[in-house]
């Protein structure tokens, strides 16, 4: 399943309408529909908002069937962009923390980056 499929599945399981989820996550209904229809992939901060509204771990929205396969193209591109050394450092540190801690840290980094702009 894709992230969009996971969003739809959990929204329907929680009996939340598209309008309700969009309003509570502070996004447009059309944006939410584009995620659920796999036309767009939400950013991490958006996934965190949706997971908070649906009261589920963000990891459940991000789980895909292809995670158990070889490294995907996006991951390879990211490693090339930031370099193998930084990628290894980040991944080694990430395994020392819970998924919730990593997501919290990513949110802090995102906020710091926004303050710079």
PDB file of N, CA and C in Angstrom:
ATOM      1  N   UNK A   1       0.836  -1.193   0.000  1.00  0.00           N
ATOM      2  CA  UNK A   1       0.000   0.000   0.000  1.00  0.00           C
ATOM      3  C   UNK A   1       0.873   1.246   0.000  1.00  0.00           C
ATOM      4  N   UNK A   2       0.400   2.272  -0.621  1.00  0.00           N
ATOM      5  CA  UNK A   2       1.112   3.544  -0.657  1.00  0.00           C
ATOM      6  C   UNK A   2       0.696   4.403   0.536  1.00  0.00           C
ATOM      7  N   UNK A   3       1.373   5.519   0.718  1.00  0.00           N
ATOM      8  CA  UNK A   3       1.012   6.443   1.798  1.00  0.00           C
ATOM      9  C   UNK A   3      -0.430   6.908   1.613  1.00  0.00           C
ATOM     10  N   UNK A   4      -0.788   7.242   0.383  1.00  0.00           N
ATOM     11  CA  UNK A   4      -2.163   7.682   0.114  1.00  0.00           C
ATOM     12  C   UNK A   4      -3.188   6.613   0.453  1.00  0.00           C
ATOM     13  N   UNK A   5      -2.886   5.371   0.092  1.00  0.00           N
ATOM     14  CA  UNK A   5      -3.788   4.262   0.430  1.00  0.00           C
ATOM     15  C   UNK A   5      -3.914   4.116   1.940  1.00  0.00           C
ATOM     16  N   UNK A   6      -2.786   4.278   2.646  1.00  0.00           N
ATOM     17  CA  UNK A   6      -2.796   4.173   4.107  1.00  0.00           C
ATOM     18  C   UNK A   6      -3.610   5.297   4.740  1.00  0.00           C
ATOM     19  N   UNK A   7      -3.484   6.507   4.201  1.00  0.00           N
ATOM     20  CA  UNK A   7      -4.270   7.630   4.728  1.00  0.00           C
ATOM     21  C   UNK A   7      -5.761   7.327   4.584  1.00  0.00           C
ATOM     22  N   UNK A   8      -6.149   6.912   3.384  1.00  0.00           N
ATOM     23  CA  UNK A   8      -7.568   6.589   3.138  1.00  0.00           C
ATOM     24  C   UNK A   8      -8.045   5.470   4.060  1.00  0.00           C
ATOM     25  N   UNK A   9      -7.254   4.397   4.159  1.00  0.00           N
ATOM     26  CA  UNK A   9      -7.645   3.248   4.975  1.00  0.00           C
ATOM     27  C   UNK A   9      -7.871   3.660   6.425  1.00  0.00           C
ATOM     28  N   UNK A  10      -6.909   4.391   7.003  1.00  0.00           N
ATOM     29  CA  UNK A  10      -7.033   4.777   8.415  1.00  0.00           C
ATOM     30  C   UNK A  10      -8.122   5.830   8.620  1.00  0.00           C
ATOM     31  N   UNK A  11      -8.308   6.719   7.660  1.00  0.00           N
ATOM     32  CA  UNK A  11      -9.383   7.709   7.758  1.00  0.00           C
ATOM     33  C   UNK A  11     -10.729   6.996   7.788  1.00  0.00           C
ATOM     34  N   UNK A  12     -10.900   6.017   6.911  1.00  0.00           N
ATOM     35  CA  UNK A  12     -12.162   5.282   6.855  1.00  0.00           C
ATOM     36  C   UNK A  12     -12.356   4.414   8.096  1.00  0.00           C
ATOM     37  N   UNK A  13     -11.262   3.800   8.605  1.00  0.00           N
ATOM     38  CA  UNK A  13     -11.364   2.998   9.826  1.00  0.00           C
ATOM     39  C   UNK A  13     -11.796   3.847  11.021  1.00  0.00           C
ATOM     40  N   UNK A  14     -11.331   5.085  11.054  1.00  0.00           N
ATOM     41  CA  UNK A  14     -11.678   6.000  12.150  1.00  0.00           C
ATOM     42  C   UNK A  14     -13.008   6.710  11.895  1.00  0.00           C
ATOM     43  N   UNK A  15     -13.629   6.414  10.733  1.00  0.00           N
ATOM     44  CA  UNK A  15     -14.901   7.022  10.349  1.00  0.00           C
ATOM     45  C   UNK A  15     -14.823   8.550  10.339  1.00  0.00           C
ATOM     46  N   UNK A  16     -13.743   9.042   9.723  1.00  0.00           N
ATOM     47  CA  UNK A  16     -13.515  10.471   9.569  1.00  0.00           C
ATOM     48  C   UNK A  16     -13.727  10.813   8.099  1.00  0.00           C
ATOM     49  N   UNK A  17     -14.501  11.840   7.834  1.00  0.00           N
ATOM     50  CA  UNK A  17     -14.732  12.242   6.449  1.00  0.00           C
ATOM     51  C   UNK A  17     -13.509  12.995   5.925  1.00  0.00           C
ATOM     52  N   UNK A  18     -13.434  13.120   4.609  1.00  0.00           N
ATOM     53  CA  UNK A  18     -12.344  13.893   4.000  1.00  0.00           C
ATOM     54  C   UNK A  18     -12.385  15.333   4.485  1.00  0.00           C
ATOM     55  N   UNK A  19     -13.592  15.895   4.554  1.00  0.00           N
ATOM     56  CA  UNK A  19     -13.736  17.279   5.004  1.00  0.00           C
ATOM     57  C   UNK A  19     -13.229  17.459   6.431  1.00  0.00           C
ATOM     58  N   UNK A  20     -13.575  16.516   7.311  1.00  0.00           N
ATOM     59  CA  UNK A  20     -13.144  16.607   8.707  1.00  0.00           C
ATOM     60  C   UNK A  20     -11.627  16.514   8.823  1.00  0.00           C
ATOM     61  N   UNK A  21     -11.046  15.533   8.135  1.00  0.00           N
ATOM     62  CA  UNK A  21      -9.602  15.361   8.206  1.00  0.00           C
ATOM     63  C   UNK A  21      -8.879  16.570   7.628  1.00  0.00           C
ATOM     64  N   UNK A  22      -9.343  17.048   6.508  1.00  0.00           N
ATOM     65  CA  UNK A  22      -8.710  18.211   5.880  1.00  0.00           C
ATOM     66  C   UNK A  22      -8.766  19.422   6.805  1.00  0.00           C
ATOM     67  N   UNK A  23      -9.918  19.651   7.412  1.00  0.00           N
ATOM     68  CA  UNK A  23     -10.067  20.802   8.298  1.00  0.00           C
ATOM     69  C   UNK A  23      -9.167  20.674   9.523  1.00  0.00           C
ATOM     70  N   UNK A  24      -9.172  19.502  10.168  1.00  0.00           N
ATOM     71  CA  UNK A  24      -8.384  19.306  11.382  1.00  0.00           C
ATOM     72  C   UNK A  24      -6.885  19.304  11.107  1.00  0.00           C
ATOM     73  N   UNK A  25      -6.477  18.844   9.928  1.00  0.00           N
ATOM     74  CA  UNK A  25      -5.059  18.818   9.564  1.00  0.00           C
ATOM     75  C   UNK A  25      -4.636  20.112   8.862  1.00  0.00           C
ATOM     76  N   UNK A  26      -5.588  21.030   8.719  1.00  0.00           N
ATOM     77  CA  UNK A  26      -5.342  22.342   8.120  1.00  0.00           C
ATOM     78  C   UNK A  26      -4.794  22.256   6.694  1.00  0.00           C
ATOM     79  N   UNK A  27      -5.587  21.597   5.875  1.00  0.00           N
ATOM     80  CA  UNK A  27      -5.245  21.504   4.450  1.00  0.00           C
ATOM     81  C   UNK A  27      -6.535  21.512   3.657  1.00  0.00           C
ATOM     82  N   UNK A  28      -6.430  21.716   2.374  1.00  0.00           N
ATOM     83  CA  UNK A  28      -7.597  21.689   1.517  1.00  0.00           C
ATOM     84  C   UNK A  28      -8.046  20.270   1.235  1.00  0.00           C
ATOM     85  N   UNK A  29      -9.333  20.123   0.993  1.00  0.00           N
ATOM     86  CA  UNK A  29      -9.888  18.804   0.673  1.00  0.00           C
ATOM     87  C   UNK A  29      -9.259  18.273  -0.611  1.00  0.00           C
ATOM     88  N   UNK A  30      -9.035  19.161  -1.579  1.00  0.00           N
ATOM     89  CA  UNK A  30      -8.433  18.724  -2.844  1.00  0.00           C
ATOM     90  C   UNK A  30      -7.013  18.215  -2.628  1.00  0.00           C
ATOM     91  N   UNK A  31      -6.295  18.841  -1.711  1.00  0.00           N
ATOM     92  CA  UNK A  31      -4.936  18.379  -1.393  1.00  0.00           C
ATOM     93  C   UNK A  31      -4.999  16.984  -0.793  1.00  0.00           C
ATOM     94  N   UNK A  32      -5.901  16.804   0.176  1.00  0.00           N
ATOM     95  CA  UNK A  32      -6.071  15.485   0.798  1.00  0.00           C
ATOM     96  C   UNK A  32      -6.442  14.445  -0.254  1.00  0.00           C
ATOM     97  N   UNK A  33      -7.358  14.799  -1.142  1.00  0.00           N
ATOM     98  CA  UNK A  33      -7.752  13.862  -2.199  1.00  0.00           C
ATOM     99  C   UNK A  33      -6.571  13.508  -3.095  1.00  0.00           C
ATOM    100  N   UNK A  34      -5.701  14.479  -3.368  1.00  0.00           N
ATOM    101  CA  UNK A  34      -4.540  14.193  -4.214  1.00  0.00           C
ATOM    102  C   UNK A  34      -3.582  13.222  -3.515  1.00  0.00           C
ATOM    103  N   UNK A  35      -3.507  13.295  -2.180  1.00  0.00           N
ATOM    104  CA  UNK A  35      -2.700  12.322  -1.433  1.00  0.00           C
ATOM    105  C   UNK A  35      -3.345  10.945  -1.497  1.00  0.00           C
ATOM    106  N   UNK A  36      -4.646  10.889  -1.205  1.00  0.00           N
ATOM    107  CA  UNK A  36      -5.342   9.601  -1.183  1.00  0.00           C
ATOM    108  C   UNK A  36      -5.400   8.946  -2.561  1.00  0.00           C
ATOM    109  N   UNK A  37      -5.378   9.751  -3.607  1.00  0.00           N
ATOM    110  CA  UNK A  37      -5.390   9.219  -4.972  1.00  0.00           C
ATOM    111  C   UNK A  37      -3.989   8.970  -5.507  1.00  0.00           C
ATOM    112  N   UNK A  38      -2.996   9.145  -4.660  1.00  0.00           N
ATOM    113  CA  UNK A  38      -1.584   8.912  -5.005  1.00  0.00           C
ATOM    114  C   UNK A  38      -1.100   9.805  -6.147  1.00  0.00           C
ATOM    115  N   UNK A  39      -1.681  10.991  -6.230  1.00  0.00           N
ATOM    116  CA  UNK A  39      -1.225  11.967  -7.217  1.00  0.00           C
ATOM    117  C   UNK A  39      -0.074  12.795  -6.663  1.00  0.00           C
ATOM    118  N   UNK A  40      -0.040  12.920  -5.339  1.00  0.00           N
ATOM    119  CA  UNK A  40       1.018  13.654  -4.645  1.00  0.00           C
ATOM    120  C   UNK A  40       1.408  12.878  -3.402  1.00  0.00           C
ATOM    121  N   UNK A  41       2.651  13.084  -2.950  1.00  0.00           N
ATOM    122  CA  UNK A  41       3.124  12.469  -1.712  1.00  0.00           C
ATOM    123  C   UNK A  41       3.273  13.580  -0.679  1.00  0.00           C
ATOM    124  N   UNK A  42       2.638  13.421   0.485  1.00  0.00           N
ATOM    125  CA  UNK A  42       2.722  14.482   1.490  1.00  0.00           C
ATOM    126  C   UNK A  42       4.117  14.594   2.101  1.00  0.00           C
ATOM    127  N   UNK A  43       4.468  15.820   2.499  1.00  0.00           N
ATOM    128  CA  UNK A  43       5.720  16.068   3.211  1.00  0.00           C
ATOM    129  C   UNK A  43       5.614  15.465   4.610  1.00  0.00           C
ATOM    130  N   UNK A  44       6.745  15.308   5.283  1.00  0.00           N
ATOM    131  CA  UNK A  44       6.780  14.700   6.605  1.00  0.00           C
ATOM    132  C   UNK A  44       5.906  15.461   7.598  1.00  0.00           C
ATOM    133  N   UNK A  45       5.970  16.792   7.591  1.00  0.00           N
ATOM    134  CA  UNK A  45       5.163  17.551   8.550  1.00  0.00           C
ATOM    135  C   UNK A  45       3.672  17.340   8.307  1.00  0.00           C
ATOM    136  N   UNK A  46       3.272  17.138   7.062  1.00  0.00           N
ATOM    137  CA  UNK A  46       1.878  16.863   6.743  1.00  0.00           C
ATOM    138  C   UNK A  46       1.484  15.469   7.219  1.00  0.00           C
ATOM    139  N   UNK A  47       2.373  14.508   7.042  1.00  0.00           N
ATOM    140  CA  UNK A  47       2.113  13.152   7.538  1.00  0.00           C
ATOM    141  C   UNK A  47       1.940  13.182   9.052  1.00  0.00           C
ATOM    142  N   UNK A  48       2.764  13.969   9.732  1.00  0.00           N
ATOM    143  CA  UNK A  48       2.654  14.083  11.188  1.00  0.00           C
ATOM    144  C   UNK A  48       1.315  14.702  11.591  1.00  0.00           C
ATOM    145  N   UNK A  49       0.866  15.711  10.875  1.00  0.00           N
ATOM    146  CA  UNK A  49      -0.435  16.327  11.166  1.00  0.00           C
ATOM    147  C   UNK A  49      -1.560  15.311  10.976  1.00  0.00           C
ATOM    148  N   UNK A  50      -1.519  14.597   9.865  1.00  0.00           N
ATOM    149  CA  UNK A  50      -2.572  13.618   9.572  1.00  0.00           C
ATOM    150  C   UNK A  50      -2.562  12.511  10.624  1.00  0.00           C
ATOM    151  N   UNK A  51      -1.377  12.034  10.978  1.00  0.00           N
ATOM    152  CA  UNK A  51      -1.304  10.958  11.973  1.00  0.00           C
ATOM    153  C   UNK A  51      -1.810  11.429  13.335  1.00  0.00           C
ATOM    154  N   UNK A  52      -1.572  12.693  13.667  1.00  0.00           N
ATOM    155  CA  UNK A  52      -2.069  13.239  14.937  1.00  0.00           C
ATOM    156  C   UNK A  52      -3.590  13.293  14.930  1.00  0.00           C
ATOM    157  N   UNK A  53      -4.163  13.776  13.838  1.00  0.00           N
ATOM    158  CA  UNK A  53      -5.623  13.860  13.731  1.00  0.00           C
ATOM    159  C   UNK A  53      -6.240  12.465  13.802  1.00  0.00           C
ATOM    160  N   UNK A  54      -5.629  11.502  13.128  1.00  0.00           N
ATOM    161  CA  UNK A  54      -6.168  10.137  13.113  1.00  0.00           C
ATOM    162  C   UNK A  54      -5.765   9.327  14.337  1.00  0.00           C
ATOM    163  N   UNK A  55      -4.900   9.903  15.173  1.00  0.00           N
ATOM    164  CA  UNK A  55      -4.433   9.264  16.409  1.00  0.00           C
ATOM    165  C   UNK A  55      -3.783   7.901  16.136  1.00  0.00           C
ATOM    166  N   UNK A  56      -2.850   7.917  15.179  1.00  0.00           N
ATOM    167  CA  UNK A  56      -2.074   6.721  14.850  1.00  0.00           C
ATOM    168  C   UNK A  56      -0.613   7.131  14.679  1.00  0.00           C
ATOM    169  N   UNK A  57       0.324   6.203  14.840  1.00  0.00           N
ATOM    170  CA  UNK A  57       1.731   6.543  14.595  1.00  0.00           C
ATOM    171  C   UNK A  57       1.958   6.901  13.123  1.00  0.00           C
ATOM    172  N   UNK A  58       2.794   7.874  12.887  1.00  0.00           N
ATOM    173  CA  UNK A  58       3.107   8.290  11.513  1.00  0.00           C
ATOM    174  C   UNK A  58       3.676   7.112  10.718  1.00  0.00           C
ATOM    175  N   UNK A  59       4.356   6.216  11.389  1.00  0.00           N
ATOM    176  CA  UNK A  59       4.959   5.068  10.702  1.00  0.00           C
ATOM    177  C   UNK A  59       3.907   4.204  10.018  1.00  0.00           C
ATOM    178  N   UNK A  60       2.696   4.168  10.576  1.00  0.00           N
ATOM    179  CA  UNK A  60       1.637   3.377   9.950  1.00  0.00           C
ATOM    180  C   UNK A  60       1.193   3.987   8.626  1.00  0.00           C
ATOM    181  N   UNK A  61       1.280   5.306   8.523  1.00  0.00           N
ATOM    182  CA  UNK A  61       0.935   5.952   7.251  1.00  0.00           C
ATOM    183  C   UNK A  61       2.043   5.772   6.232  1.00  0.00           C
ATOM    184  N   UNK A  62       3.283   5.686   6.710  1.00  0.00           N
ATOM    185  CA  UNK A  62       4.427   5.622   5.806  1.00  0.00           C
ATOM    186  C   UNK A  62       4.799   4.211   5.395  1.00  0.00           C
ATOM    187  N   UNK A  63       4.170   3.194   5.996  1.00  0.00           N
ATOM    188  CA  UNK A  63       4.481   1.811   5.639  1.00  0.00           C
ATOM    189  C   UNK A  63       4.021   1.517   4.219  1.00  0.00           C
ATOM    190  N   UNK A  64       4.915   0.942   3.454  1.00  0.00           N
ATOM    191  CA  UNK A  64       4.557   0.501   2.109  1.00  0.00           C
ATOM    192  C   UNK A  64       5.057  -0.919   1.925  1.00  0.00           C
ATOM    193  N   UNK A  65       4.458  -1.610   1.006  1.00  0.00           N
ATOM    194  CA  UNK A  65       4.842  -2.993   0.753  1.00  0.00           C
ATOM    195  C   UNK A  65       6.259  -3.104   0.232  1.00  0.00           C
ATOM    196  N   UNK A  66       6.706  -2.096  -0.487  1.00  0.00           N
ATOM    197  CA  UNK A  66       8.022  -2.168  -1.111  1.00  0.00           C
ATOM    198  C   UNK A  66       9.169  -1.869  -0.151  1.00  0.00           C
ATOM    199  N   UNK A  67       8.873  -1.566   1.128  1.00  0.00           N
ATOM    200  CA  UNK A  67       9.933  -1.258   2.081  1.00  0.00           C
ATOM    201  C   UNK A  67      10.870  -2.439   2.304  1.00  0.00           C
ATOM    202  N   UNK A  68      10.364  -3.651   2.138  1.00  0.00           N
ATOM    203  CA  UNK A  68      11.186  -4.824   2.376  1.00  0.00           C
ATOM    204  C   UNK A  68      12.029  -5.204   1.161  1.00  0.00           C
ATOM    205  N   UNK A  69      11.894  -4.494   0.074  1.00  0.00           N
ATOM    206  CA  UNK A  69      12.655  -4.800  -1.123  1.00  0.00           C
ATOM    207  C   UNK A  69      13.963  -4.021  -1.117  1.00  0.00           C
ATOM    208  N   UNK A  70      14.662  -4.064  -2.209  1.00  0.00           N
ATOM    209  CA  UNK A  70      15.919  -3.341  -2.325  1.00  0.00           C
ATOM    210  C   UNK A  70      15.701  -1.844  -2.160  1.00  0.00           C
ATOM    211  N   UNK A  71      16.799  -1.136  -1.962  1.00  0.00           N
ATOM    212  CA  UNK A  71      16.734   0.296  -1.766  1.00  0.00           C
ATOM    213  C   UNK A  71      16.030   0.965  -2.948  1.00  0.00           C
ATOM    214  N   UNK A  72      15.033   1.804  -2.624  1.00  0.00           N
ATOM    215  CA  UNK A  72      14.278   2.453  -3.697  1.00  0.00           C
ATOM    216  C   UNK A  72      15.047   3.642  -4.279  1.00  0.00           C
ATOM    217  N   UNK A  73      14.551   4.142  -5.393  1.00  0.00           N
ATOM    218  CA  UNK A  73      15.217   5.230  -6.121  1.00  0.00           C
ATOM    219  C   UNK A  73      15.325   6.500  -5.278  1.00  0.00           C
ATOM    220  N   UNK A  74      14.271   6.813  -4.531  1.00  0.00           N
ATOM    221  CA  UNK A  74      14.287   8.035  -3.718  1.00  0.00           C
ATOM    222  C   UNK A  74      15.392   7.975  -2.666  1.00  0.00           C
ATOM    223  N   UNK A  75      15.531   6.828  -2.015  1.00  0.00           N
ATOM    224  CA  UNK A  75      16.575   6.676  -0.993  1.00  0.00           C
ATOM    225  C   UNK A  75      17.961   6.786  -1.625  1.00  0.00           C
ATOM    226  N   UNK A  76      18.146   6.181  -2.762  1.00  0.00           N
ATOM    227  CA  UNK A  76      19.438   6.279  -3.451  1.00  0.00           C
ATOM    228  C   UNK A  76      19.756   7.724  -3.809  1.00  0.00           C
ATOM    229  N   UNK A  77      18.753   8.461  -4.287  1.00  0.00           N
ATOM    230  CA  UNK A  77      18.949   9.866  -4.639  1.00  0.00           C
ATOM    231  C   UNK A  77      19.303  10.684  -3.407  1.00  0.00           C
ATOM    232  N   UNK A  78      18.604  10.438  -2.307  1.00  0.00           N
ATOM    233  CA  UNK A  78      18.887  11.174  -1.062  1.00  0.00           C
ATOM    234  C   UNK A  78      20.305  10.908  -0.576  1.00  0.00           C
ATOM    235  N   UNK A  79      20.735   9.673  -0.640  1.00  0.00           N
ATOM    236  CA  UNK A  79      22.094   9.332  -0.210  1.00  0.00           C
ATOM    237  C   UNK A  79      23.117  10.037  -1.083  1.00  0.00           C
ATOM    238  N   UNK A  80      22.852  10.089  -2.385  1.00  0.00           N
ATOM    239  CA  UNK A  80      23.768  10.801  -3.288  1.00  0.00           C
ATOM    240  C   UNK A  80      23.799  12.291  -2.968  1.00  0.00           C
ATOM    241  N   UNK A  81      22.637  12.870  -2.639  1.00  0.00           N
ATOM    242  CA  UNK A  81      22.554  14.303  -2.363  1.00  0.00           C
ATOM    243  C   UNK A  81      23.304  14.699  -1.096  1.00  0.00           C
ATOM    244  N   UNK A  82      23.146  13.928  -0.029  1.00  0.00           N
ATOM    245  CA  UNK A  82      23.786  14.325   1.229  1.00  0.00           C
ATOM    246  C   UNK A  82      25.098  13.598   1.483  1.00  0.00           C
ATOM    247  N   UNK A  83      25.373  12.591   0.696  1.00  0.00           N
ATOM    248  CA  UNK A  83      26.623  11.863   0.823  1.00  0.00           C
ATOM    249  C   UNK A  83      26.482  10.619   1.683  1.00  0.00           C
ATOM    250  N   UNK A  84      27.299   9.642   1.394  1.00  0.00           N
ATOM    251  CA  UNK A  84      27.249   8.355   2.093  1.00  0.00           C
ATOM    252  C   UNK A  84      27.627   8.529   3.560  1.00  0.00           C
ATOM    253  N   UNK A  85      28.647   9.331   3.830  1.00  0.00           N
ATOM    254  CA  UNK A  85      29.130   9.513   5.212  1.00  0.00           C
ATOM    255  C   UNK A  85      28.030  10.098   6.105  1.00  0.00           C
ATOM    256  N   UNK A  86      27.377  11.182   5.644  1.00  0.00           N
ATOM    257  CA  UNK A  86      26.297  11.787   6.431  1.00  0.00           C
ATOM    258  C   UNK A  86      25.117  10.843   6.554  1.00  0.00           C
ATOM    259  N   UNK A  87      24.817  10.112   5.483  1.00  0.00           N
ATOM    260  CA  UNK A  87      23.707   9.160   5.510  1.00  0.00           C
ATOM    261  C   UNK A  87      23.942   8.088   6.567  1.00  0.00           C
ATOM    262  N   UNK A  88      25.156   7.543   6.605  1.00  0.00           N
ATOM    263  CA  UNK A  88      25.480   6.520   7.606  1.00  0.00           C
ATOM    264  C   UNK A  88      25.380   7.085   9.006  1.00  0.00           C
ATOM    265  N   UNK A  89      25.876   8.292   9.207  1.00  0.00           N
ATOM    266  CA  UNK A  89      25.820   8.921  10.525  1.00  0.00           C
ATOM    267  C   UNK A  89      24.375   9.078  10.985  1.00  0.00           C
ATOM    268  N   UNK A  90      23.541   9.586  10.112  1.00  0.00           N
ATOM    269  CA  UNK A  90      22.129   9.782  10.447  1.00  0.00           C
ATOM    270  C   UNK A  90      21.454   8.450  10.762  1.00  0.00           C
ATOM    271  N   UNK A  91      21.686   7.453   9.932  1.00  0.00           N
ATOM    272  CA  UNK A  91      21.045   6.150  10.142  1.00  0.00           C
ATOM    273  C   UNK A  91      21.548   5.453  11.404  1.00  0.00           C
ATOM    274  N   UNK A  92      22.835   5.565  11.678  1.00  0.00           N
ATOM    275  CA  UNK A  92      23.373   4.951  12.900  1.00  0.00           C
ATOM    276  C   UNK A  92      22.770   5.602  14.141  1.00  0.00           C
ATOM    277  N   UNK A  93      22.642   6.922  14.111  1.00  0.00           N
ATOM    278  CA  UNK A  93      22.042   7.624  15.250  1.00  0.00           C
ATOM    279  C   UNK A  93      20.554   7.308  15.365  1.00  0.00           C
ATOM    280  N   UNK A  94      19.883   7.171  14.237  1.00  0.00           N
ATOM    281  CA  UNK A  94      18.443   6.912  14.232  1.00  0.00           C
ATOM    282  C   UNK A  94      18.100   5.589  14.908  1.00  0.00           C
ATOM    283  N   UNK A  95      18.946   4.609  14.790  1.00  0.00           N
ATOM    284  CA  UNK A  95      18.620   3.307  15.393  1.00  0.00           C
ATOM    285  C   UNK A  95      18.715   3.332  16.910  1.00  0.00           C
ATOM    286  N   UNK A  96      19.343   4.366  17.487  1.00  0.00           N
ATOM    287  CA  UNK A  96      19.444   4.493  18.935  1.00  0.00           C
ATOM    288  C   UNK A  96      18.184   5.073  19.569  1.00  0.00           C
ATOM    289  N   UNK A  97      17.263   5.558  18.740  1.00  0.00           N
ATOM    290  CA  UNK A  97      16.079   6.229  19.237  1.00  0.00           C
ATOM    291  C   UNK A  97      14.816   5.533  18.760  1.00  0.00           C
ATOM    292  N   UNK A  98      13.731   5.756  19.501  1.00  0.00           N
ATOM    293  CA  UNK A  98      12.438   5.223  19.061  1.00  0.00           C
ATOM    294  C   UNK A  98      11.974   5.999  17.835  1.00  0.00           C
ATOM    295  N   UNK A  99      11.034   5.435  17.134  1.00  0.00           N
ATOM    296  CA  UNK A  99      10.515   6.110  15.943  1.00  0.00           C
ATOM    297  C   UNK A  99       9.891   7.451  16.315  1.00  0.00           C
ATOM    298  N   UNK A 100       9.225   7.489  17.458  1.00  0.00           N
ATOM    299  CA  UNK A 100       8.606   8.736  17.913  1.00  0.00           C
ATOM    300  C   UNK A 100       9.676   9.794  18.194  1.00  0.00           C
ATOM    301  N   UNK A 101      10.800   9.386  18.799  1.00  0.00           N
ATOM    302  CA  UNK A 101      11.896  10.326  19.055  1.00  0.00           C
ATOM    303  C   UNK A 101      12.479  10.870  17.749  1.00  0.00           C
ATOM    304  N   UNK A 102      12.635  10.005  16.765  1.00  0.00           N
ATOM    305  CA  UNK A 102      13.186  10.424  15.471  1.00  0.00           C
ATOM    306  C   UNK A 102      12.238  11.423  14.811  1.00  0.00           C
ATOM    307  N   UNK A 103      10.934  11.140  14.846  1.00  0.00           N
ATOM    308  CA  UNK A 103       9.967  12.056  14.243  1.00  0.00           C
ATOM    309  C   UNK A 103       9.960  13.402  14.969  1.00  0.00           C
ATOM    310  N   UNK A 104      10.094  13.373  16.303  1.00  0.00           N
ATOM    311  CA  UNK A 104      10.173  14.612  17.072  1.00  0.00           C
ATOM    312  C   UNK A 104      11.413  15.407  16.684  1.00  0.00           C
ATOM    313  N   UNK A 105      12.532  14.714  16.547  1.00  0.00           N
ATOM    314  CA  UNK A 105      13.781  15.373  16.146  1.00  0.00           C
ATOM    315  C   UNK A 105      13.649  15.973  14.746  1.00  0.00           C
ATOM    316  N   UNK A 106      13.017  15.250  13.845  1.00  0.00           N
ATOM    317  CA  UNK A 106      12.830  15.760  12.490  1.00  0.00           C
ATOM    318  C   UNK A 106      11.954  17.017  12.503  1.00  0.00           C
ATOM    319  N   UNK A 107      10.945  17.017  13.365  1.00  0.00           N
ATOM    320  CA  UNK A 107      10.100  18.206  13.494  1.00  0.00           C
ATOM    321  C   UNK A 107      10.902  19.395  14.008  1.00  0.00           C
ATOM    322  N   UNK A 108      11.773  19.155  14.991  1.00  0.00           N
ATOM    323  CA  UNK A 108      12.620  20.229  15.511  1.00  0.00           C
ATOM    324  C   UNK A 108      13.547  20.771  14.435  1.00  0.00           C
ATOM    325  N   UNK A 109      14.141  19.880  13.657  1.00  0.00           N
ATOM    326  CA  UNK A 109      15.013  20.310  12.561  1.00  0.00           C
ATOM    327  C   UNK A 109      14.235  21.105  11.520  1.00  0.00           C
ATOM    328  N   UNK A 110      13.018  20.658  11.235  1.00  0.00           N
ATOM    329  CA  UNK A 110      12.176  21.365  10.278  1.00  0.00           C
ATOM    330  C   UNK A 110      11.881  22.780  10.789  1.00  0.00           C
ATOM    331  N   UNK A 111      11.516  22.886  12.083  1.00  0.00           N
ATOM    332  CA  UNK A 111      11.226  24.194  12.679  1.00  0.00           C
ATOM    333  C   UNK A 111      12.447  25.105  12.641  1.00  0.00           C
ATOM    334  N   UNK A 112      13.627  24.556  12.959  1.00  0.00           N
ATOM    335  CA  UNK A 112      14.856  25.364  12.915  1.00  0.00           C
ATOM    336  C   UNK A 112      15.119  25.867  11.507  1.00  0.00           C
ATOM    337  N   UNK A 113      14.909  25.017  10.533  1.00  0.00           N
ATOM    338  CA  UNK A 113      15.120  25.406   9.134  1.00  0.00           C
ATOM    339  C   UNK A 113      14.139  26.496   8.717  1.00  0.00           C
ATOM    340  N   UNK A 114      12.909  26.438   9.193  1.00  0.00           N
ATOM    341  CA  UNK A 114      11.914  27.451   8.866  1.00  0.00           C
ATOM    342  C   UNK A 114      12.266  28.800   9.497  1.00  0.00           C
ATOM    343  N   UNK A 115      12.866  28.759  10.693  1.00  0.00           N
ATOM    344  CA  UNK A 115      13.258  29.996  11.373  1.00  0.00           C
ATOM    345  C   UNK A 115      14.383  30.712  10.639  1.00  0.00           C
ATOM    346  N   UNK A 116      15.237  29.947   9.936  1.00  0.00           N
ATOM    347  CA  UNK A 116      16.338  30.524   9.172  1.00  0.00           C
ATOM    348  C   UNK A 116      15.830  31.320   7.984  1.00  0.00           C
ATOM    349  N   UNK A 117      14.701  30.900   7.433  1.00  0.00           N
ATOM    350  CA  UNK A 117      14.183  31.510   6.202  1.00  0.00           C
ATOM    351  C   UNK A 117      13.532  32.814   6.460  1.00  0.00           C
TER     352      UNK A 117
END
